[in-house]
Protein backbone atom coordinates (compact mmCIF):
# COMPACT_ATOMS: atom_id res chain seq x y z
CA MET A 1 -5.23 14.27 18.97
CA ARG A 2 -1.52 13.43 19.13
CA LYS A 3 -0.97 11.16 16.17
CA ILE A 4 1.15 10.58 13.06
CA GLU A 5 -0.45 9.02 9.99
CA ILE A 6 0.38 8.44 6.33
CA LYS A 7 -2.33 8.66 3.67
CA MET A 8 -2.54 8.00 -0.05
CA ILE A 9 -3.92 11.43 -0.96
CA SER A 10 -2.94 14.68 -2.63
CA ILE A 11 -1.74 17.19 -0.05
CA THR A 12 -4.11 19.80 -1.47
CA ASP A 13 -7.07 17.54 -0.65
CA LEU A 14 -6.23 17.36 3.06
CA LYS A 15 -8.51 19.18 5.54
CA THR A 16 -5.73 20.12 7.95
CA ASP A 17 -5.19 23.52 9.58
CA ALA A 18 -1.84 23.82 7.81
CA ILE A 19 -0.14 22.16 4.89
CA VAL A 20 3.57 22.21 4.18
CA ASN A 21 5.04 23.23 0.86
CA ALA A 22 8.32 21.58 -0.17
CA ALA A 23 9.77 24.98 -1.02
CA ASN A 24 12.96 26.30 -2.55
CA SER A 25 15.01 28.97 -0.81
CA GLY A 26 13.68 31.67 -3.14
CA LEU A 27 10.06 30.70 -2.32
CA TRP A 28 9.05 30.85 -5.95
CA ALA A 29 6.56 28.47 -7.54
CA GLY A 30 7.96 25.19 -8.79
CA GLY A 31 6.68 21.84 -9.98
CA GLY A 32 5.39 18.80 -8.13
CA VAL A 33 4.02 19.45 -4.64
CA CYS A 34 5.05 23.08 -4.78
CA GLY A 35 3.21 23.69 -8.05
CA ALA A 36 0.09 21.92 -6.81
CA ILE A 37 -0.02 24.03 -3.64
CA PHE A 38 0.44 27.28 -5.56
CA LYS A 39 -2.40 26.28 -7.86
CA ALA A 40 -4.71 25.36 -4.97
CA ALA A 41 -3.98 28.55 -3.03
CA GLY A 42 -4.17 30.87 -6.00
CA TYR A 43 -0.95 31.59 -7.81
CA LYS A 44 -0.92 35.39 -7.53
CA ASP A 45 -1.94 35.59 -3.88
CA LEU A 46 0.62 33.05 -2.75
CA GLU A 47 3.35 34.45 -4.98
CA ASN A 48 2.84 37.95 -3.55
CA ALA A 49 2.94 36.63 0.03
CA CYS A 50 6.15 34.73 -0.70
CA LYS A 51 7.73 37.77 -2.37
CA LYS A 52 7.16 39.79 0.79
CA ILE A 53 9.15 37.21 2.76
CA GLY A 54 11.73 36.94 0.00
CA HIS A 55 13.96 34.11 1.18
CA CYS A 56 14.15 31.08 3.46
CA ASP A 57 17.33 29.27 4.41
CA THR A 58 17.72 25.54 3.90
CA GLY A 59 16.58 23.74 7.04
CA ASN A 60 14.17 26.53 7.97
CA ALA A 61 10.51 27.32 7.29
CA VAL A 62 8.21 30.33 6.95
CA ILE A 63 4.43 30.67 7.05
CA THR A 64 1.84 32.39 4.85
CA PRO A 65 -1.96 32.34 4.73
CA GLY A 66 -3.57 29.42 2.92
CA PHE A 67 -5.64 31.69 0.66
CA ALA A 68 -7.93 29.54 -1.57
CA SER A 69 -6.53 26.21 -0.38
CA ASN A 70 -8.28 23.99 2.16
CA ALA A 71 -5.73 24.97 4.80
CA LYS A 72 -5.72 28.09 6.94
CA TYR A 73 -1.93 28.29 6.62
CA ILE A 74 0.77 27.18 4.21
CA ILE A 75 4.15 26.53 5.78
CA HIS A 76 7.06 26.69 3.34
CA ALA A 77 9.85 24.34 4.42
CA VAL A 78 13.16 24.27 2.56
CA GLY A 79 14.77 20.85 2.62
CA PRO A 80 18.32 20.11 1.51
CA GLN A 81 19.45 18.76 -1.84
CA TRP A 82 21.05 15.35 -1.51
CA LYS A 83 24.81 15.48 -2.06
CA GLY A 84 25.76 12.09 -0.73
CA GLY A 85 24.85 12.63 2.92
CA ASN A 86 28.06 14.28 4.04
CA HIS A 87 26.92 17.90 3.80
CA ASN A 88 24.63 18.04 6.86
CA GLU A 89 21.65 16.86 4.83
CA PRO A 90 20.08 14.79 7.68
CA GLU A 91 20.41 17.66 10.17
CA LEU A 92 18.97 20.20 7.73
CA LEU A 93 16.02 17.99 6.81
CA TYR A 94 15.29 17.29 10.48
CA LYS A 95 15.35 21.04 11.22
CA ALA A 96 12.98 21.79 8.32
CA TYR A 97 10.37 19.47 9.85
CA GLN A 98 10.90 20.74 13.39
CA ARG A 99 10.62 24.38 12.37
CA SER A 100 7.43 23.63 10.42
CA LEU A 101 5.89 22.00 13.48
CA GLU A 102 6.93 24.93 15.67
CA LEU A 103 5.21 27.38 13.31
CA ALA A 104 2.07 25.24 13.29
CA VAL A 105 1.83 25.20 17.10
CA GLN A 106 2.67 28.91 17.38
CA ASN A 107 -0.26 29.66 15.06
CA ASN A 108 -2.72 27.46 17.03
CA CYS A 109 -2.88 24.69 14.44
CA HIS A 110 -4.10 21.30 15.63
CA SER A 111 -3.39 19.46 12.38
CA ILE A 112 -0.69 19.69 9.74
CA GLY A 113 -0.10 17.94 6.42
CA PHE A 114 3.38 17.20 5.10
CA PRO A 115 4.79 15.95 1.81
CA LEU A 116 7.96 13.87 1.96
CA ILE A 117 10.33 16.83 1.85
CA SER A 118 13.45 16.64 -0.38
CA ALA A 119 12.57 13.18 -1.72
CA GLY A 120 11.55 14.51 -5.14
CA ILE A 121 13.79 16.50 -7.45
CA TYR A 122 16.17 17.20 -4.56
CA GLY A 123 17.14 13.54 -4.75
CA TYR A 124 17.03 12.60 -1.06
CA PRO A 125 16.82 8.76 -0.83
CA MET A 126 13.30 7.76 0.14
CA GLU A 127 14.14 5.53 3.10
CA LYS A 128 16.51 8.11 4.57
CA ALA A 129 13.98 10.90 3.95
CA TRP A 130 11.29 8.95 5.83
CA GLU A 131 13.64 8.25 8.72
CA GLN A 132 14.32 11.94 9.30
CA ALA A 133 10.68 12.88 8.76
CA ILE A 134 9.26 10.39 11.26
CA ARG A 135 12.07 10.94 13.76
CA ALA A 136 11.59 14.73 13.69
CA CYS A 137 7.81 14.45 14.15
CA CYS A 138 8.07 11.85 16.93
CA ASP A 139 10.67 13.89 18.77
CA PHE A 140 8.53 16.99 18.51
CA LEU A 141 5.46 15.29 19.98
CA LYS A 142 7.54 13.82 22.79
CA GLN A 143 9.16 17.19 23.61
CA HIS A 144 6.06 19.36 23.33
CA ASN A 145 2.70 18.99 25.01
CA ALA A 146 0.91 19.88 21.79
CA ASP A 147 -2.42 18.49 20.61
CA LEU A 148 -1.24 18.01 17.04
CA TYR A 149 -2.33 15.58 14.34
CA ILE A 150 0.41 15.06 11.75
CA VAL A 151 -0.41 13.49 8.41
CA PHE A 152 1.88 12.77 5.46
CA ALA A 153 0.29 12.89 2.01
CA VAL A 154 1.83 10.57 -0.60
CA LEU A 155 0.71 9.48 -4.05
CA ASP A 156 2.30 6.09 -4.70
CA LYS A 157 2.21 2.74 -2.95
CA LYS A 158 5.95 2.30 -2.56
CA THR A 159 6.35 5.61 -0.74
CA PHE A 160 3.29 4.74 1.36
CA SER A 161 4.64 1.29 2.23
CA VAL A 162 8.17 2.45 3.07
CA GLY A 163 6.76 5.29 5.17
CA ASN A 164 4.55 2.99 7.21
CA GLU A 165 7.43 0.60 7.81
CA CYS A 166 9.42 3.52 9.20
CA LEU A 167 6.45 4.75 11.22
CA ASN A 168 5.91 1.30 12.71
CA GLU A 169 9.56 1.17 13.71
CA LEU A 170 10.09 4.71 15.00
CA GLY A 171 6.63 5.94 15.84
CA SER A 172 5.17 3.20 18.03
CA ALA A 173 5.84 5.21 21.18
CA ILE A 174 3.35 7.90 20.17
CA LYS A 175 0.85 5.88 18.09
CA VAL A 176 -2.18 5.01 20.20
CA ALA A 177 -5.43 4.26 18.40
CA VAL A 178 -8.67 5.68 19.75
CA LYS A 179 -12.29 5.06 18.83
CA ASP A 180 -12.56 8.17 16.64
CA ASP A 181 -9.76 6.93 14.39
CA TRP A 182 -12.15 4.73 12.40
CA LYS A 183 -15.80 4.18 11.62
CA THR A 184 -17.41 2.07 14.35
CA LEU A 185 -20.81 0.56 15.07
CA GLU A 186 -21.75 -0.51 18.58
CA MET A 187 -22.06 -4.17 19.57
CA PRO A 188 -25.60 -5.23 18.55
CA LYS A 189 -28.24 -6.57 20.91
CA GLU A 190 -27.65 -10.02 19.39
CA HIS A 191 -24.46 -10.95 21.21
CA ASP A 192 -23.03 -13.67 23.40
CA GLU A 193 -20.27 -14.07 25.99
CA PHE A 194 -17.56 -16.65 26.65
CA VAL A 195 -14.29 -16.89 28.60
CA LEU A 196 -10.97 -16.84 26.80
CA LYS A 197 -8.24 -18.56 28.83
CA ARG A 198 -4.94 -17.12 27.68
CA SER A 199 -1.91 -15.50 29.28
CA PHE A 200 -0.39 -12.28 27.95
CA SER A 201 3.06 -10.90 28.61
CA LYS A 202 3.49 -7.30 29.70
CA LYS A 203 4.95 -6.52 26.27
CA GLN A 204 1.96 -8.05 24.49
CA ILE A 205 -0.47 -5.99 26.54
CA GLU A 206 1.53 -2.85 25.70
CA ILE A 207 1.28 -3.71 22.00
CA LEU A 208 -2.48 -4.29 22.24
CA ARG A 209 -2.93 -1.04 24.17
CA CYS A 210 -1.49 0.87 21.20
CA GLY A 211 -4.37 -0.39 19.07
CA HIS A 212 -4.31 -0.56 15.30
CA VAL A 213 -5.65 1.69 12.54
CA PRO A 214 -6.11 -0.03 9.13
CA GLN A 215 -3.73 0.89 6.32
CA GLU A 216 -4.71 -0.94 3.12
CA MET A 217 -7.44 -3.06 1.53
CA GLU A 218 -6.08 -6.27 3.04
CA ASP A 219 -5.95 -4.74 6.52
CA LYS A 220 -9.23 -6.12 7.91
CA TRP A 221 -9.17 -5.08 11.58
CA PHE A 222 -9.35 -1.91 13.62
CA TRP A 223 -8.97 -2.12 17.39
CA TYR A 224 -8.40 0.20 20.30
CA PHE A 225 -7.97 -0.23 24.07
CA GLU A 226 -10.15 1.62 26.57
CA ASN A 227 -10.79 1.11 30.31
CA GLY A 228 -9.19 -2.33 30.38
CA LYS A 229 -11.12 -3.56 27.33
CA LEU A 230 -10.05 -4.18 23.76
CA TYR A 231 -12.67 -3.32 21.13
CA ALA A 232 -12.13 -5.07 17.77
CA TYR A 233 -13.97 -4.05 14.58
CA ARG A 234 -14.03 -5.24 11.00
CA SER A 235 -12.42 -2.39 9.09
CA TRP A 236 -14.58 -2.63 5.96
CA THR A 237 -17.92 -2.46 7.77
CA GLY A 238 -17.16 -0.92 11.15
CA TYR A 239 -19.02 -3.80 12.86
CA CYS A 240 -17.88 -4.52 16.40
CA ILE A 241 -17.01 -8.24 16.50
CA TYR A 242 -15.21 -8.69 19.85
CA ILE A 243 -14.93 -6.86 23.15
CA ILE A 244 -12.27 -8.41 25.38
CA GLU A 245 -12.29 -7.52 29.07
CA PHE A 246 -8.86 -8.43 30.40
CA SER A 247 -8.45 -10.12 33.78
CA SER A 248 -5.36 -10.65 35.92
CA ASP A 249 -6.25 -14.36 36.42
CA ASP A 250 -5.98 -15.00 32.63
CA ASN A 251 -9.71 -15.72 32.34
CA HIS A 252 -10.74 -12.93 29.99
CA ARG A 253 -14.42 -12.29 29.35
CA VAL A 254 -15.24 -11.86 25.66
CA THR A 255 -18.41 -10.38 24.22
CA VAL A 256 -18.97 -11.61 20.66
CA ASN A 257 -21.26 -10.38 17.88
CA ARG A 258 -24.11 -12.76 17.06
CA CYS A 259 -25.96 -10.72 14.43
CA ASP A 260 -26.35 -12.93 11.32
CA GLU A 261 -25.78 -9.99 8.96
CA GLN A 262 -22.59 -8.90 10.72
CA TYR A 263 -20.88 -12.09 11.86
CA THR A 264 -21.87 -15.63 10.91
CA CYS A 265 -20.06 -17.73 13.52
CA LYS A 266 -22.34 -19.30 16.16
CA SER A 267 -19.91 -21.56 18.00
CA ALA A 268 -17.93 -20.40 21.04
CA ASP A 269 -15.29 -23.04 20.30
CA GLU A 270 -14.78 -21.68 16.79
CA ASP A 271 -14.73 -18.13 18.20
CA ILE A 272 -12.00 -19.09 20.66
CA ALA A 273 -9.88 -20.64 17.92
CA THR A 274 -10.38 -17.63 15.63
CA LEU A 275 -9.69 -15.07 18.34
CA ASN A 276 -6.57 -16.88 19.53
CA SER A 277 -5.28 -16.91 15.96
CA LEU A 278 -5.99 -13.19 15.60
CA LEU A 279 -4.31 -12.36 18.89
CA ASP A 280 -1.23 -14.29 17.76
CA TRP A 281 -1.00 -11.85 14.85
CA TRP A 282 -1.98 -8.74 16.79
CA CYS A 283 0.53 -9.28 19.61
CA GLN A 284 3.51 -9.29 17.27
CA PRO A 285 5.85 -6.26 17.59
CA GLU A 286 4.92 -5.41 13.98
CA TYR A 287 1.42 -6.51 13.00
CA ASP A 288 1.74 -8.39 9.70
CA TYR A 289 -1.81 -7.76 8.51
CA TYR A 290 -0.95 -8.64 4.91
CA ASN A 291 0.07 -12.22 5.65
CA GLU A 292 -2.83 -12.57 8.07
CA TRP A 293 -5.10 -11.59 5.18
CA LEU A 294 -3.41 -14.12 2.89
CA GLN A 295 -3.88 -16.89 5.44
CA GLU A 296 -7.52 -16.01 6.03
CA THR A 297 -8.24 -15.68 2.30
CA ALA A 298 -6.64 -19.04 1.52
CA ALA A 299 -8.71 -20.68 4.26
CA ALA A 300 -11.89 -19.08 2.94
CA ILE A 301 -11.17 -20.27 -0.60
CA SER A 302 -10.54 -23.83 0.56
CA LYS A 303 -13.81 -23.89 2.53
CA SER A 304 -15.99 -22.23 -0.08
CA ALA A 305 -17.74 -24.02 -2.91
CA LYS A 306 -17.57 -20.80 -4.92
CA LYS A 307 -14.78 -21.02 -7.46
CA PHE A 308 -14.92 -17.89 -9.54
CA ASP A 309 -15.77 -14.23 -9.28
CA LYS A 310 -18.07 -12.62 -11.83
CA LEU A 311 -17.17 -10.12 -14.55
CA LYS A 312 -19.60 -7.99 -16.52
CA ILE A 313 -18.79 -7.69 -20.23
CA GLY A 314 -21.43 -5.72 -22.06
CA ASP A 315 -24.78 -7.36 -21.38
CA GLN A 316 -23.35 -10.68 -20.21
CA THR A 317 -21.82 -11.88 -16.97
CA VAL A 318 -18.97 -14.37 -17.09
CA ASP A 319 -16.74 -16.25 -14.66
CA ALA A 320 -13.48 -14.49 -13.83
CA VAL A 321 -10.26 -15.00 -11.90
CA PHE A 322 -8.58 -11.83 -10.65
CA PHE A 323 -4.92 -11.81 -9.64
CA HIS A 324 -1.94 -9.55 -9.01
CA LYS A 325 1.06 -10.34 -6.76
CA PRO A 326 2.69 -13.80 -6.75
CA GLU A 327 2.00 -14.31 -3.04
CA GLU A 328 -1.70 -13.42 -3.33
CA PRO A 329 -4.57 -15.77 -4.31
CA HIS A 330 -4.12 -17.01 -7.90
CA GLY A 331 -0.68 -15.37 -7.87
CA TYR A 332 0.74 -18.25 -9.95
CA LEU A 333 -0.71 -16.39 -12.97
CA SER A 334 1.63 -13.44 -12.39
CA ASN A 335 4.67 -12.94 -14.60
CA TRP A 336 6.62 -12.42 -11.37
CA TYR A 337 5.75 -15.87 -10.00
CA HIS A 338 8.85 -18.06 -9.61
CA SER A 339 8.30 -20.72 -12.28
CA PRO A 340 11.57 -21.87 -13.89
CA PHE A 341 11.61 -23.12 -17.49
CA ASP A 342 14.11 -23.65 -20.30
CA LEU A 343 13.78 -22.09 -23.73
CA ASP A 344 16.17 -21.62 -26.66
CA GLY A 345 18.98 -23.20 -24.66
CA MET A 346 18.59 -20.77 -21.75
CA HIS A 347 17.18 -21.14 -18.23
CA PHE A 348 14.64 -18.57 -17.01
CA THR A 349 13.36 -18.17 -13.46
CA SER A 350 10.05 -16.53 -14.43
CA THR A 351 8.18 -15.21 -17.43
CA GLU A 352 9.13 -11.69 -16.34
CA GLN A 353 12.80 -12.56 -16.83
CA TYR A 354 12.06 -14.04 -20.26
CA ILE A 355 10.01 -11.03 -21.39
CA MET A 356 12.56 -8.48 -20.22
CA TYR A 357 15.40 -10.46 -21.81
CA ARG A 358 13.56 -10.57 -25.13
CA LYS A 359 12.75 -6.87 -24.85
CA CYS A 360 16.41 -5.90 -24.44
CA MET A 361 17.55 -8.23 -27.23
CA ALA A 362 14.87 -6.91 -29.59
CA PHE A 363 16.63 -3.55 -29.59
CA GLY A 364 20.17 -4.90 -29.61
CA ASP A 365 20.94 -4.07 -25.97
CA GLU A 366 22.93 -7.20 -25.16
CA LYS A 367 24.48 -5.66 -22.04
CA SER A 368 21.08 -5.04 -20.44
CA ALA A 369 19.88 -8.47 -21.56
CA ALA A 370 22.83 -10.06 -19.77
CA ALA A 371 22.05 -8.01 -16.65
CA VAL A 372 18.46 -9.29 -16.72
CA MET A 373 19.75 -12.85 -16.72
CA LYS A 374 22.07 -12.24 -13.76
CA THR A 375 19.26 -11.48 -11.30
CA ALA A 376 16.30 -13.59 -10.19
CA ASP A 377 14.47 -10.54 -8.81
CA PRO A 378 11.53 -9.70 -11.14
CA ALA A 379 11.49 -6.07 -9.92
CA LYS A 380 15.13 -5.61 -10.93
CA GLN A 381 14.52 -7.40 -14.22
CA GLN A 382 11.67 -5.04 -15.00
CA GLU A 383 13.72 -1.99 -14.04
CA ILE A 384 16.53 -3.06 -16.38
CA GLY A 385 14.11 -3.80 -19.19
CA ARG A 386 12.46 -0.41 -18.88
CA CYS A 387 15.81 1.24 -19.57
CA ALA A 388 16.69 -0.81 -22.66
CA LYS A 389 18.80 1.21 -25.08
CA ASN A 390 17.47 2.09 -28.54
CA TYR A 391 13.95 1.28 -27.31
CA ILE A 392 11.12 2.06 -29.75
CA ASP A 393 7.71 2.10 -28.10
CA SER A 394 5.64 1.26 -31.18
CA VAL A 395 7.82 -1.75 -31.99
CA TRP A 396 7.58 -3.19 -28.47
CA LYS A 397 3.81 -2.61 -28.29
CA ALA A 398 3.42 -4.62 -31.50
CA MET A 399 5.40 -7.62 -30.25
CA ARG A 400 5.04 -7.75 -26.46
CA GLN A 401 1.93 -9.96 -26.31
CA SER A 402 3.38 -12.54 -28.68
CA VAL A 403 6.63 -12.54 -26.67
CA ALA A 404 4.68 -13.07 -23.45
CA THR A 405 2.66 -15.88 -25.02
CA VAL A 406 5.81 -17.82 -25.95
CA GLY A 407 7.21 -17.52 -22.40
CA LEU A 408 3.89 -18.33 -20.74
CA LEU A 409 3.42 -21.40 -22.89
CA GLU A 410 6.72 -22.85 -21.69
CA LYS A 411 6.01 -21.82 -18.10
CA PHE A 412 2.88 -23.97 -18.02
CA ARG A 413 4.20 -26.73 -20.25
CA GLN A 414 7.18 -27.32 -17.99
CA ASN A 415 5.46 -26.91 -14.59
CA GLU A 416 2.81 -29.59 -14.17
CA GLU A 417 1.28 -28.19 -10.97
CA LEU A 418 0.86 -24.74 -12.52
CA ARG A 419 -0.49 -26.26 -15.73
CA ASN A 420 -3.20 -28.10 -13.81
CA LYS A 421 -4.13 -24.90 -11.93
CA LEU A 422 -4.42 -23.02 -15.22
CA LEU A 423 -6.62 -25.72 -16.77
CA ASP A 424 -8.79 -25.69 -13.63
CA THR A 425 -9.80 -22.12 -14.43
CA GLY A 426 -11.97 -23.53 -17.24
CA ASP A 427 -13.24 -20.74 -19.49
CA ALA A 428 -13.06 -18.02 -16.85
CA TYR A 429 -11.66 -14.66 -17.87
CA LEU A 430 -8.20 -14.11 -16.40
CA VAL A 431 -7.67 -10.55 -15.25
CA GLU A 432 -4.52 -8.98 -13.82
CA CYS A 433 -5.42 -6.22 -11.36
CA ALA A 434 -2.96 -3.36 -10.91
CA ARG A 435 -4.15 0.21 -10.57
CA LEU A 436 -1.13 1.83 -12.23
CA ASP A 437 -0.54 -0.74 -14.99
CA LYS A 438 -2.55 0.30 -18.04
CA ALA A 439 -0.95 -2.21 -20.39
CA TRP A 440 -0.43 -5.66 -18.88
CA ALA A 441 -3.21 -5.24 -16.28
CA CYS A 442 -6.78 -3.93 -16.35
CA GLY A 443 -5.87 -0.67 -14.63
CA ARG A 444 -7.97 -1.49 -11.58
CA GLY A 445 -6.78 -2.76 -8.19
CA LEU A 446 -7.92 -5.86 -6.34
CA ASP A 447 -9.61 -3.51 -3.87
CA GLU A 448 -11.67 -1.69 -6.54
CA GLU A 449 -15.23 -2.71 -7.40
CA GLU A 450 -14.67 -1.39 -10.94
CA ARG A 451 -12.63 -4.50 -11.75
CA PHE A 452 -15.90 -6.45 -11.99
CA ASP A 453 -17.09 -4.38 -15.00
CA ALA A 454 -14.88 -4.49 -18.11
CA SER A 455 -16.33 -1.19 -19.35
CA LEU A 456 -14.76 0.52 -16.33
CA TRP A 457 -11.27 -0.83 -16.90
CA THR A 458 -8.57 1.72 -17.68
CA GLY A 459 -6.01 -0.86 -18.85
CA SER A 460 -5.68 -3.42 -21.67
CA ASN A 461 -5.17 -6.60 -19.57
CA ILE A 462 -2.56 -7.92 -22.05
CA LEU A 463 -1.31 -10.53 -19.60
CA GLY A 464 -4.82 -11.82 -18.91
CA PHE A 465 -5.60 -12.28 -22.61
CA ALA A 466 -2.19 -13.87 -23.25
CA LEU A 467 -2.89 -16.33 -20.43
CA MET A 468 -6.27 -17.22 -21.92
CA GLU A 469 -4.65 -17.86 -25.30
CA VAL A 470 -2.01 -20.06 -23.67
CA ARG A 471 -4.73 -21.92 -21.76
CA ASN A 472 -6.42 -22.81 -25.04
CA MET A 473 -3.12 -24.01 -26.48
CA ILE A 474 -2.32 -26.07 -23.37
CA ARG A 475 -5.85 -27.50 -23.32
CA SER A 476 -5.50 -28.57 -26.93
CA GLU A 477 -2.16 -30.24 -26.26
CA TYR A 478 -3.39 -31.83 -23.03
CA ASN A 479 -6.48 -33.32 -24.66
CA GLN A 480 -4.37 -34.82 -27.46
CA GLU A 481 -2.15 -36.77 -25.06
């Protein structure tokens, strides 16, 4: 299988023939990826093997057995330290990947797992590191007739997202989805057929032929092209929903799932409208599955009589509203949502700006506070606030919820539309869902079932509880008017 993929996984958990260690030139054990690989392989065995080799130049790679790791081989690639980009760093990083791939093929490996070399303590900028990584791997597959599956193992969403953007841009020439790339169930006996009248450009057909392998929770579709037919599956279930047999006269025969448990639509007219909408998304040069998901979710919410999710708290079950990013459903509850308000003679673009401003001022860092006010980007505001000088963790923990409450109160007081949305949540629990945020959020993602059980939360949900307090205050004020 000739394919490049990026996964959110530890490199030591991969089941590839070879894994690549982001090594130093002395081949001794280090931290991060290097330390994890040494631990998985067995420190003494791998150290002795590396000592026998002794040294590896920057931009080169050497190979050892995998020992106790999941991999048969460990390839030690030495990437460059970033010194501004004018010391042959791109060339050396490219060569480190190419040499690793050469060693894999020479040792009859059909799969290889990479970290993002040099992007850690060596300081190589992430976007530039991804560009060289993907370019080197794509070039290798184009230049060699090797049956090689290449997977990058990363541990955070930003690295994952940036990597996939680069892969979509540089790797489309070698990315072709096949049936085995995803779980699939055959079209059931309960199916129907109709004709889809639609023209496709040559470029659109080329895009569809490449297929699509799901990336994240919101990515609902997997499809591949085989023998003139496009097979489309729901990613969560593996159910086959559509089979499109393309015709040169633009009358394409579609087989559609009619099993009640797998697909509820019974109208060919509705199927045609849905499929045309999907194909509009799928035929784009870069499939924007996230915004397709947003559009579909918004439509489902508007059609459904169901208003709230359910949350288990001890022995009771209560209504709940889960939220995260501003652009997602119920995103108006996020601190990052653009919701301007005035307070203490100042104008704030969001509650995030207010909270970060107050955080900096609490510790006397007026320079950082001013920097927070100069940008409307919540991510930059948060980054500045995290680096506030003279910061004392215990002090901020004691005051952060009360600070947030003040800002949130003005956000909803001064924005009538948002105030009405907040009041419409009734007595439902408000829960921010972010896997890595153990303070403001519940510590669970929107794609995790554990968010529905409060006993399984790993975070404090400070924002959610602050919002519920503000809702009570707003409700009291609103009812008095």
